[in-house]
Amino acid sequence: MKRYFFRTLFLGLFLLFGAGVARAQSDNLAAVRSALRNGSSRELSQYLAPTVEIGFDGDKQSYNATQAEIVIKDFFAKNTPSSFEFIHQGESREHIAYAIGRYTGRNGLYRVFVKLKPSRGAPVIDTLDFTKE
């Protein structure tokens, strides 16, 4: 009886914790989608990891969060968004959330790859990659 109780308790806690992590990733992806749709580097900066890899057409560089916000702000200034939607979302076996989206800006259409890595609080953006289609 005691064994059954502990198994049930453990399973319940595991499911509760897993649902909380999935909800946090989903909430952050929704906020990232909104920031990209609005072309707001300020909104997006709230979800950046301390070090972020940002790529434009295969040219990738690592930036600290402050530099990344400036780089993204410059991109939005040159490519004002008219629309943005995620077309695919997923999670790796290591619970790394990612999403692929389509960004339509002034200078054309871009495929956007976003990777969130777990952090102490909610997941944060580790990689943001724009590839012109």
N, C-alpha and C. Protein backbone atom coordinates (compact mmCIF):
# COMPACT_ATOMS: atom_id res chain seq x y z
N MET A 1 0.82 -1.19 0.00
CA MET A 1 0.00 0.00 0.00
C MET A 1 0.87 1.26 0.00
N LYS A 2 1.89 1.24 0.88
CA LYS A 2 2.80 2.37 0.97
C LYS A 2 3.52 2.59 -0.36
N ARG A 3 3.91 1.51 -0.96
CA ARG A 3 4.62 1.53 -2.24
C ARG A 3 3.75 2.16 -3.34
N TYR A 4 2.50 1.76 -3.39
CA TYR A 4 1.55 2.30 -4.37
C TYR A 4 1.37 3.81 -4.18
N PHE A 5 1.27 4.23 -2.91
CA PHE A 5 1.10 5.65 -2.60
C PHE A 5 2.28 6.46 -3.12
N PHE A 6 3.50 6.02 -2.86
CA PHE A 6 4.68 6.76 -3.28
C PHE A 6 4.83 6.78 -4.81
N ARG A 7 4.49 5.68 -5.45
CA ARG A 7 4.52 5.66 -6.92
C ARG A 7 3.54 6.66 -7.50
N THR A 8 2.34 6.68 -6.94
CA THR A 8 1.31 7.60 -7.42
C THR A 8 1.72 9.04 -7.15
N LEU A 9 2.26 9.31 -5.99
CA LEU A 9 2.73 10.65 -5.64
C LEU A 9 3.84 11.09 -6.59
N PHE A 10 4.81 10.22 -6.81
CA PHE A 10 5.92 10.54 -7.71
C PHE A 10 5.43 10.82 -9.13
N LEU A 11 4.55 9.99 -9.63
CA LEU A 11 4.00 10.17 -10.98
C LEU A 11 3.23 11.47 -11.07
N GLY A 12 2.45 11.77 -10.06
CA GLY A 12 1.67 13.02 -10.05
C GLY A 12 2.57 14.24 -10.07
N LEU A 13 3.62 14.25 -9.25
CA LEU A 13 4.57 15.36 -9.23
C LEU A 13 5.31 15.49 -10.55
N PHE A 14 5.69 14.36 -11.12
CA PHE A 14 6.38 14.36 -12.41
C PHE A 14 5.51 14.99 -13.49
N LEU A 15 4.25 14.59 -13.55
CA LEU A 15 3.33 15.14 -14.55
C LEU A 15 3.07 16.62 -14.31
N LEU A 16 2.94 17.01 -13.06
CA LEU A 16 2.70 18.41 -12.73
C LEU A 16 3.89 19.26 -13.14
N PHE A 17 5.10 18.82 -12.82
CA PHE A 17 6.30 19.56 -13.18
C PHE A 17 6.46 19.62 -14.70
N GLY A 18 6.25 18.52 -15.38
CA GLY A 18 6.38 18.47 -16.84
C GLY A 18 5.40 19.41 -17.52
N ALA A 19 4.18 19.47 -17.02
CA ALA A 19 3.18 20.36 -17.60
C ALA A 19 3.57 21.81 -17.39
N GLY A 20 4.17 22.12 -16.23
CA GLY A 20 4.61 23.49 -15.95
C GLY A 20 5.72 23.93 -16.89
N VAL A 21 6.67 23.06 -17.16
CA VAL A 21 7.76 23.37 -18.09
C VAL A 21 7.21 23.56 -19.49
N ALA A 22 6.33 22.68 -19.93
CA ALA A 22 5.74 22.81 -21.27
C ALA A 22 4.96 24.10 -21.39
N ARG A 23 4.23 24.48 -20.35
CA ARG A 23 3.45 25.72 -20.38
C ARG A 23 4.39 26.92 -20.45
N ALA A 24 5.49 26.92 -19.71
CA ALA A 24 6.45 28.02 -19.72
C ALA A 24 7.06 28.17 -21.11
N GLN A 25 7.40 27.04 -21.75
CA GLN A 25 7.96 27.10 -23.10
C GLN A 25 6.93 27.65 -24.07
N SER A 26 5.71 27.19 -23.95
CA SER A 26 4.63 27.64 -24.83
C SER A 26 4.36 29.14 -24.63
N ASP A 27 4.35 29.58 -23.37
CA ASP A 27 4.12 31.00 -23.08
C ASP A 27 5.24 31.85 -23.67
N ASN A 28 6.49 31.39 -23.52
CA ASN A 28 7.60 32.16 -24.06
C ASN A 28 7.58 32.18 -25.58
N LEU A 29 7.22 31.08 -26.21
CA LEU A 29 7.12 31.08 -27.68
C LEU A 29 6.02 32.03 -28.15
N ALA A 30 4.93 32.10 -27.41
CA ALA A 30 3.85 33.04 -27.77
C ALA A 30 4.34 34.47 -27.64
N ALA A 31 5.12 34.77 -26.60
CA ALA A 31 5.66 36.11 -26.42
C ALA A 31 6.69 36.43 -27.50
N VAL A 32 7.51 35.46 -27.86
CA VAL A 32 8.49 35.65 -28.94
C VAL A 32 7.76 35.91 -30.26
N ARG A 33 6.72 35.15 -30.53
CA ARG A 33 5.93 35.35 -31.75
C ARG A 33 5.38 36.77 -31.79
N SER A 34 4.84 37.23 -30.69
CA SER A 34 4.28 38.58 -30.62
C SER A 34 5.36 39.64 -30.87
N ALA A 35 6.52 39.46 -30.25
CA ALA A 35 7.62 40.43 -30.42
C ALA A 35 8.10 40.46 -31.87
N LEU A 36 8.21 39.29 -32.51
CA LEU A 36 8.64 39.25 -33.91
C LEU A 36 7.57 39.84 -34.82
N ARG A 37 6.32 39.58 -34.53
CA ARG A 37 5.21 40.11 -35.32
C ARG A 37 5.17 41.64 -35.23
N ASN A 38 5.49 42.17 -34.03
CA ASN A 38 5.45 43.62 -33.82
C ASN A 38 6.77 44.30 -34.19
N GLY A 39 7.79 43.52 -34.46
CA GLY A 39 9.10 44.09 -34.77
C GLY A 39 9.68 44.82 -33.56
N SER A 40 9.49 44.25 -32.39
CA SER A 40 9.93 44.89 -31.15
C SER A 40 11.14 44.20 -30.54
N SER A 41 12.29 44.79 -30.71
CA SER A 41 13.51 44.23 -30.12
C SER A 41 13.45 44.35 -28.60
N ARG A 42 12.77 45.36 -28.10
CA ARG A 42 12.64 45.55 -26.66
C ARG A 42 11.84 44.39 -26.02
N GLU A 43 10.72 44.04 -26.64
CA GLU A 43 9.93 42.90 -26.16
C GLU A 43 10.74 41.62 -26.22
N LEU A 44 11.41 41.42 -27.36
CA LEU A 44 12.18 40.20 -27.59
C LEU A 44 13.34 40.08 -26.59
N SER A 45 13.93 41.21 -26.23
CA SER A 45 15.10 41.20 -25.34
C SER A 45 14.79 40.60 -23.97
N GLN A 46 13.54 40.62 -23.56
CA GLN A 46 13.15 40.05 -22.26
C GLN A 46 13.36 38.54 -22.22
N TYR A 47 13.44 37.92 -23.40
CA TYR A 47 13.52 36.46 -23.49
C TYR A 47 14.87 35.98 -23.99
N LEU A 48 15.86 36.86 -24.04
CA LEU A 48 17.18 36.49 -24.53
C LEU A 48 18.03 35.89 -23.41
N ALA A 49 18.79 34.88 -23.75
CA ALA A 49 19.77 34.31 -22.83
C ALA A 49 20.91 35.31 -22.67
N PRO A 50 21.73 35.17 -21.66
CA PRO A 50 22.87 36.09 -21.50
C PRO A 50 23.78 36.13 -22.73
N THR A 51 23.93 34.99 -23.41
CA THR A 51 24.67 34.92 -24.67
C THR A 51 23.75 34.29 -25.70
N VAL A 52 23.61 34.96 -26.85
CA VAL A 52 22.68 34.52 -27.88
C VAL A 52 23.42 34.40 -29.21
N GLU A 53 23.14 33.33 -29.94
CA GLU A 53 23.68 33.17 -31.28
C GLU A 53 22.63 33.70 -32.26
N ILE A 54 23.02 34.70 -33.06
CA ILE A 54 22.11 35.28 -34.04
C ILE A 54 22.73 35.10 -35.42
N GLY A 55 21.89 34.64 -36.34
CA GLY A 55 22.37 34.41 -37.70
C GLY A 55 21.50 35.10 -38.72
N PHE A 56 22.14 35.59 -39.77
CA PHE A 56 21.47 36.18 -40.93
C PHE A 56 22.05 35.54 -42.17
N ASP A 57 21.24 34.76 -42.86
CA ASP A 57 21.66 34.07 -44.09
C ASP A 57 22.95 33.29 -43.92
N GLY A 58 23.05 32.54 -42.84
CA GLY A 58 24.20 31.67 -42.62
C GLY A 58 25.36 32.31 -41.89
N ASP A 59 25.36 33.64 -41.76
CA ASP A 59 26.42 34.33 -41.03
C ASP A 59 26.01 34.43 -39.57
N LYS A 60 26.57 33.55 -38.72
CA LYS A 60 26.17 33.48 -37.32
C LYS A 60 27.25 34.05 -36.42
N GLN A 61 26.79 34.76 -35.38
CA GLN A 61 27.71 35.30 -34.39
C GLN A 61 27.05 35.23 -33.02
N SER A 62 27.88 35.15 -32.00
CA SER A 62 27.37 35.17 -30.63
C SER A 62 27.46 36.60 -30.09
N TYR A 63 26.41 36.98 -29.38
CA TYR A 63 26.32 38.32 -28.80
C TYR A 63 25.87 38.20 -27.35
N ASN A 64 26.24 39.19 -26.54
CA ASN A 64 25.61 39.24 -25.23
C ASN A 64 24.21 39.82 -25.44
N ALA A 65 23.37 39.76 -24.43
CA ALA A 65 21.96 40.14 -24.59
C ALA A 65 21.80 41.59 -25.04
N THR A 66 22.62 42.49 -24.54
CA THR A 66 22.52 43.91 -24.92
C THR A 66 22.88 44.11 -26.38
N GLN A 67 23.98 43.49 -26.81
CA GLN A 67 24.38 43.58 -28.22
C GLN A 67 23.34 42.94 -29.12
N ALA A 68 22.80 41.82 -28.69
CA ALA A 68 21.79 41.11 -29.48
C ALA A 68 20.57 41.99 -29.71
N GLU A 69 20.15 42.70 -28.67
CA GLU A 69 18.99 43.59 -28.82
C GLU A 69 19.27 44.67 -29.87
N ILE A 70 20.46 45.21 -29.89
CA ILE A 70 20.82 46.24 -30.87
C ILE A 70 20.84 45.66 -32.29
N VAL A 71 21.40 44.47 -32.44
CA VAL A 71 21.45 43.81 -33.75
C VAL A 71 20.04 43.52 -34.26
N ILE A 72 19.18 43.03 -33.38
CA ILE A 72 17.80 42.73 -33.77
C ILE A 72 17.04 44.02 -34.09
N LYS A 73 17.28 45.06 -33.31
CA LYS A 73 16.63 46.36 -33.57
C LYS A 73 17.01 46.88 -34.95
N ASP A 74 18.28 46.73 -35.31
CA ASP A 74 18.75 47.15 -36.64
C ASP A 74 18.07 46.33 -37.74
N PHE A 75 17.94 45.02 -37.52
CA PHE A 75 17.28 44.16 -38.49
C PHE A 75 15.82 44.60 -38.69
N PHE A 76 15.11 44.84 -37.58
CA PHE A 76 13.72 45.28 -37.66
C PHE A 76 13.59 46.64 -38.35
N ALA A 77 14.56 47.54 -38.13
CA ALA A 77 14.53 48.85 -38.77
C ALA A 77 14.67 48.72 -40.29
N LYS A 78 15.50 47.79 -40.73
CA LYS A 78 15.70 47.58 -42.16
C LYS A 78 14.64 46.69 -42.79
N ASN A 79 13.99 45.86 -41.98
CA ASN A 79 13.02 44.88 -42.47
C ASN A 79 11.75 44.92 -41.61
N THR A 80 11.06 46.03 -41.66
CA THR A 80 9.83 46.18 -40.87
C THR A 80 8.89 45.02 -41.18
N PRO A 81 8.40 44.35 -40.13
CA PRO A 81 7.55 43.18 -40.38
C PRO A 81 6.15 43.55 -40.84
N SER A 82 5.63 42.76 -41.76
CA SER A 82 4.22 42.88 -42.11
C SER A 82 3.46 41.69 -41.55
N SER A 83 4.17 40.58 -41.32
CA SER A 83 3.55 39.43 -40.66
C SER A 83 4.62 38.47 -40.14
N PHE A 84 4.20 37.66 -39.16
CA PHE A 84 5.06 36.61 -38.65
C PHE A 84 4.17 35.52 -38.06
N GLU A 85 4.49 34.28 -38.39
CA GLU A 85 3.78 33.12 -37.84
C GLU A 85 4.75 31.96 -37.67
N PHE A 86 4.57 31.21 -36.58
CA PHE A 86 5.30 29.96 -36.44
C PHE A 86 4.60 28.92 -37.30
N ILE A 87 5.39 28.16 -38.06
CA ILE A 87 4.81 27.11 -38.89
C ILE A 87 5.10 25.73 -38.32
N HIS A 88 6.04 25.67 -37.37
CA HIS A 88 6.35 24.39 -36.71
C HIS A 88 6.95 24.67 -35.34
N GLN A 89 6.54 23.89 -34.36
CA GLN A 89 7.11 23.97 -33.02
C GLN A 89 7.41 22.56 -32.54
N GLY A 90 8.46 22.42 -31.76
CA GLY A 90 8.80 21.09 -31.27
C GLY A 90 9.71 21.16 -30.06
N GLU A 91 10.14 19.97 -29.65
CA GLU A 91 11.02 19.86 -28.50
C GLU A 91 11.93 18.66 -28.71
N SER A 92 13.20 18.83 -28.40
CA SER A 92 14.16 17.74 -28.54
C SER A 92 14.02 16.77 -27.37
N ARG A 93 14.73 15.67 -27.44
CA ARG A 93 14.73 14.70 -26.35
C ARG A 93 15.29 15.30 -25.07
N GLU A 94 16.14 16.30 -25.21
CA GLU A 94 16.74 16.96 -24.05
C GLU A 94 15.86 18.10 -23.54
N HIS A 95 14.63 18.19 -24.04
CA HIS A 95 13.65 19.20 -23.64
C HIS A 95 14.07 20.61 -24.05
N ILE A 96 14.73 20.71 -25.19
CA ILE A 96 15.08 22.00 -25.77
C ILE A 96 13.96 22.35 -26.75
N ALA A 97 13.25 23.43 -26.46
CA ALA A 97 12.14 23.84 -27.33
C ALA A 97 12.70 24.60 -28.53
N TYR A 98 12.04 24.44 -29.67
CA TYR A 98 12.43 25.17 -30.87
C TYR A 98 11.18 25.47 -31.68
N ALA A 99 11.31 26.44 -32.57
CA ALA A 99 10.19 26.78 -33.45
C ALA A 99 10.77 27.31 -34.76
N ILE A 100 10.04 27.07 -35.82
CA ILE A 100 10.39 27.59 -37.14
C ILE A 100 9.24 28.46 -37.59
N GLY A 101 9.58 29.64 -38.06
CA GLY A 101 8.53 30.57 -38.46
C GLY A 101 8.80 31.21 -39.80
N ARG A 102 7.82 31.96 -40.25
CA ARG A 102 7.92 32.70 -41.51
C ARG A 102 7.71 34.18 -41.21
N TYR A 103 8.74 34.97 -41.49
CA TYR A 103 8.75 36.42 -41.24
C TYR A 103 8.67 37.13 -42.58
N THR A 104 7.65 37.92 -42.77
CA THR A 104 7.52 38.72 -43.98
C THR A 104 7.87 40.16 -43.62
N GLY A 105 8.92 40.66 -44.22
CA GLY A 105 9.39 42.02 -43.94
C GLY A 105 9.44 42.83 -45.21
N ARG A 106 9.85 44.07 -45.05
CA ARG A 106 9.94 45.00 -46.17
C ARG A 106 10.84 44.47 -47.28
N ASN A 107 11.91 43.77 -46.92
CA ASN A 107 12.87 43.28 -47.91
C ASN A 107 12.67 41.82 -48.30
N GLY A 108 11.52 41.25 -47.98
CA GLY A 108 11.27 39.89 -48.42
C GLY A 108 10.83 38.96 -47.31
N LEU A 109 10.89 37.68 -47.66
CA LEU A 109 10.42 36.62 -46.78
C LEU A 109 11.61 35.92 -46.14
N TYR A 110 11.52 35.68 -44.84
CA TYR A 110 12.60 35.02 -44.10
C TYR A 110 12.05 33.81 -43.36
N ARG A 111 12.84 32.75 -43.32
CA ARG A 111 12.53 31.61 -42.45
C ARG A 111 13.30 31.89 -41.17
N VAL A 112 12.61 31.75 -40.04
CA VAL A 112 13.20 32.07 -38.74
C VAL A 112 13.24 30.81 -37.89
N PHE A 113 14.40 30.53 -37.33
CA PHE A 113 14.58 29.41 -36.41
C PHE A 113 14.86 29.98 -35.03
N VAL A 114 14.08 29.56 -34.04
CA VAL A 114 14.24 30.01 -32.66
C VAL A 114 14.47 28.78 -31.79
N LYS A 115 15.53 28.81 -30.98
CA LYS A 115 15.78 27.72 -30.04
C LYS A 115 15.80 28.30 -28.63
N LEU A 116 14.99 27.71 -27.76
CA LEU A 116 14.93 28.12 -26.36
C LEU A 116 15.69 27.11 -25.52
N LYS A 117 16.51 27.61 -24.61
CA LYS A 117 17.19 26.68 -23.71
C LYS A 117 16.65 26.87 -22.30
N PRO A 118 16.63 25.79 -21.54
CA PRO A 118 16.13 25.90 -20.17
C PRO A 118 17.01 26.83 -19.34
N SER A 119 16.39 27.57 -18.46
CA SER A 119 17.14 28.39 -17.51
C SER A 119 16.48 28.23 -16.15
N ARG A 120 16.91 28.96 -15.19
CA ARG A 120 16.37 28.81 -13.83
C ARG A 120 14.88 29.13 -13.77
N GLY A 121 14.47 30.14 -14.47
CA GLY A 121 13.06 30.49 -14.52
C GLY A 121 12.44 29.86 -15.75
N ALA A 122 11.94 30.68 -16.63
CA ALA A 122 11.36 30.19 -17.89
C ALA A 122 12.47 30.05 -18.93
N PRO A 123 12.24 29.25 -19.97
CA PRO A 123 13.24 29.09 -21.03
C PRO A 123 13.55 30.41 -21.73
N VAL A 124 14.78 30.55 -22.21
CA VAL A 124 15.23 31.78 -22.88
C VAL A 124 15.77 31.47 -24.27
N ILE A 125 15.79 32.48 -25.12
CA ILE A 125 16.26 32.32 -26.50
C ILE A 125 17.77 32.13 -26.50
N ASP A 126 18.19 31.01 -27.06
CA ASP A 126 19.61 30.69 -27.18
C ASP A 126 20.09 30.96 -28.61
N THR A 127 19.21 30.73 -29.59
CA THR A 127 19.55 30.88 -31.00
C THR A 127 18.38 31.54 -31.72
N LEU A 128 18.72 32.49 -32.58
CA LEU A 128 17.74 33.16 -33.43
C LEU A 128 18.38 33.29 -34.81
N ASP A 129 17.80 32.63 -35.79
CA ASP A 129 18.42 32.56 -37.11
C ASP A 129 17.42 32.97 -38.19
N PHE A 130 17.78 34.00 -38.99
CA PHE A 130 16.94 34.46 -40.10
C PHE A 130 17.60 34.05 -41.41
N THR A 131 16.87 33.36 -42.26
CA THR A 131 17.38 32.95 -43.56
C THR A 131 16.41 33.44 -44.63
N LYS A 132 16.93 34.25 -45.55
CA LYS A 132 16.07 34.79 -46.61
C LYS A 132 15.68 33.69 -47.57
N GLU A 133 14.38 33.67 -47.91
CA GLU A 133 13.88 32.65 -48.85
C GLU A 133 13.85 33.19 -50.24
